[in-house]
Amino acid sequence: MRHRLPTLDTILKIFVMASEWIVSAKIGELLASDRFDKHSITERELSLSQAFCLLWQNQHTGNVEGRQRPNAMTDTATAAVLLDLYVLEKIDLDKEIKHWMDKKRQMIMVKVGIF
């Protein structure tokens, strides 16, 4: 019996799915923390995503390494943007339990609309 190797498209879909799990888990941890304060974030000069991107960007060349592939940096940038939108009350974030393979995970679902 011959096994076929996964295609690049299949591998990318798996990475994106794993990336979604990671972003969701980290946002869930942040929202559950008693140290998360929406009001203090709105008082800052830069949004979370702006500050993160400035830290990520090479200050000498302006280059942003790794921005085109799912990785820890793009996961963090995604989470920062979602938290910015949540703080600005442009989206709402709901918790939902999902089952994937043999694991149960808490997902953070993004709700867009009038709240």
Protein backbone atom coordinates (compact mmCIF):
# COMPACT_ATOMS: atom_id res chain seq x y z
CA MET A 1 0.00 0.00 0.00
CA ARG A 2 1.41 3.36 -1.07
CA HIS A 3 0.86 6.48 0.96
CA ARG A 4 0.55 9.78 -0.81
CA LEU A 5 2.42 12.73 0.54
CA PRO A 6 0.24 15.70 1.50
CA THR A 7 0.13 18.53 -0.98
CA LEU A 8 1.49 21.97 -0.13
CA ASP A 9 -2.10 23.25 -0.06
CA THR A 10 -3.04 20.62 2.55
CA ILE A 11 -0.01 21.45 4.68
CA LEU A 12 -0.82 25.18 4.54
CA LYS A 13 -4.43 24.49 5.58
CA ILE A 14 -3.15 22.53 8.60
CA PHE A 15 -0.80 25.37 9.57
CA VAL A 16 -3.59 27.93 9.24
CA MET A 17 -5.93 25.77 11.37
CA ALA A 18 -3.22 25.36 14.03
CA SER A 19 -2.61 29.10 13.86
CA GLU A 20 -6.32 29.78 14.47
CA TRP A 21 -6.27 27.49 17.54
CA ILE A 22 -3.24 29.34 18.93
CA VAL A 23 -4.69 32.82 18.37
CA SER A 24 -8.00 31.76 19.90
CA ALA A 25 -6.32 30.21 22.94
CA LYS A 26 -4.18 33.27 23.60
CA ILE A 27 -7.10 35.69 23.26
CA GLY A 28 -9.12 33.44 25.59
CA GLU A 29 -6.35 33.58 28.19
CA LEU A 30 -6.15 37.36 27.92
CA LEU A 31 -9.91 37.90 28.22
CA ALA A 32 -10.05 35.60 31.26
CA SER A 33 -7.24 37.47 33.01
CA ASP A 34 -8.16 39.86 35.80
CA ARG A 35 -5.34 42.08 34.53
CA PHE A 36 -7.02 42.72 31.13
CA ASP A 37 -8.35 46.29 31.19
CA LYS A 38 -10.02 47.60 28.04
CA HIS A 39 -10.09 51.17 29.34
CA SER A 40 -6.32 51.41 29.89
CA ILE A 41 -5.71 50.19 26.34
CA THR A 42 -7.87 52.94 24.83
CA GLU A 43 -5.93 55.59 26.77
CA ARG A 44 -2.60 54.70 25.14
CA GLU A 45 -1.12 56.64 22.25
CA LEU A 46 -0.66 53.52 20.09
CA SER A 47 -3.03 50.61 19.63
CA LEU A 48 -1.82 47.12 20.54
CA SER A 49 -1.34 46.17 16.89
CA GLN A 50 0.55 49.39 16.09
CA ALA A 51 2.89 48.89 19.03
CA PHE A 52 3.45 45.23 18.17
CA CYS A 53 4.22 46.00 14.52
CA LEU A 54 6.74 48.65 15.54
CA LEU A 55 8.47 46.05 17.74
CA TRP A 56 8.38 43.48 14.90
CA GLN A 57 9.71 45.84 12.22
CA ASN A 58 13.47 46.19 11.76
CA GLN A 59 14.16 49.77 12.83
CA HIS A 60 17.10 50.14 10.41
CA THR A 61 15.69 48.61 7.22
CA GLY A 62 11.93 48.84 7.79
CA ASN A 63 11.64 45.17 6.81
CA VAL A 64 9.13 42.92 8.59
CA GLU A 65 10.50 39.36 8.48
CA GLY A 66 8.13 36.39 8.32
CA ARG A 67 4.94 38.32 7.65
CA GLN A 68 3.86 36.10 4.76
CA ARG A 69 3.76 32.75 6.58
CA PRO A 70 1.77 31.59 9.61
CA ASN A 71 4.09 31.68 12.63
CA ALA A 72 4.23 33.04 16.17
CA MET A 73 4.71 36.60 14.92
CA THR A 74 1.72 36.56 12.56
CA ASP A 75 -0.36 34.83 15.26
CA THR A 76 0.50 37.61 17.71
CA ALA A 77 -0.21 40.33 15.14
CA THR A 78 -3.60 38.74 14.42
CA ALA A 79 -4.43 38.58 18.12
CA ALA A 80 -3.38 42.22 18.59
CA VAL A 81 -5.64 43.39 15.74
CA LEU A 82 -8.60 41.39 17.09
CA LEU A 83 -8.05 42.80 20.59
CA ASP A 84 -7.86 46.34 19.16
CA LEU A 85 -11.20 45.84 17.39
CA TYR A 86 -12.69 44.38 20.59
CA VAL A 87 -11.45 47.31 22.71
CA LEU A 88 -12.90 49.76 20.16
CA GLU A 89 -16.20 47.79 20.34
CA LYS A 90 -16.16 47.08 16.59
CA ILE A 91 -16.43 43.32 17.22
CA ASP A 92 -17.52 41.10 20.08
CA LEU A 93 -15.74 37.94 21.17
CA ASP A 94 -17.71 34.87 22.31
CA LYS A 95 -16.39 31.64 23.78
CA GLU A 96 -17.40 28.36 22.17
CA ILE A 97 -16.24 24.79 22.85
CA LYS A 98 -15.01 22.91 19.74
CA HIS A 99 -13.89 19.32 19.31
CA TRP A 100 -10.98 18.58 17.01
CA MET A 101 -9.59 15.08 16.72
CA ASP A 102 -9.53 13.81 20.32
CA LYS A 103 -9.21 17.24 21.94
CA LYS A 104 -11.74 19.66 23.32
CA ARG A 105 -10.78 23.32 22.93
CA GLN A 106 -12.26 26.65 23.78
CA MET A 107 -12.59 28.78 20.68
CA ILE A 108 -13.08 32.51 20.60
CA MET A 109 -15.64 33.38 17.96
CA VAL A 110 -15.66 36.85 16.41
CA LYS A 111 -19.07 38.52 16.12
CA VAL A 112 -19.32 41.45 13.75
CA GLY A 113 -22.32 43.75 13.74
CA ILE A 114 -24.31 45.99 16.00
CA PHE A 115 -24.06 45.04 19.67
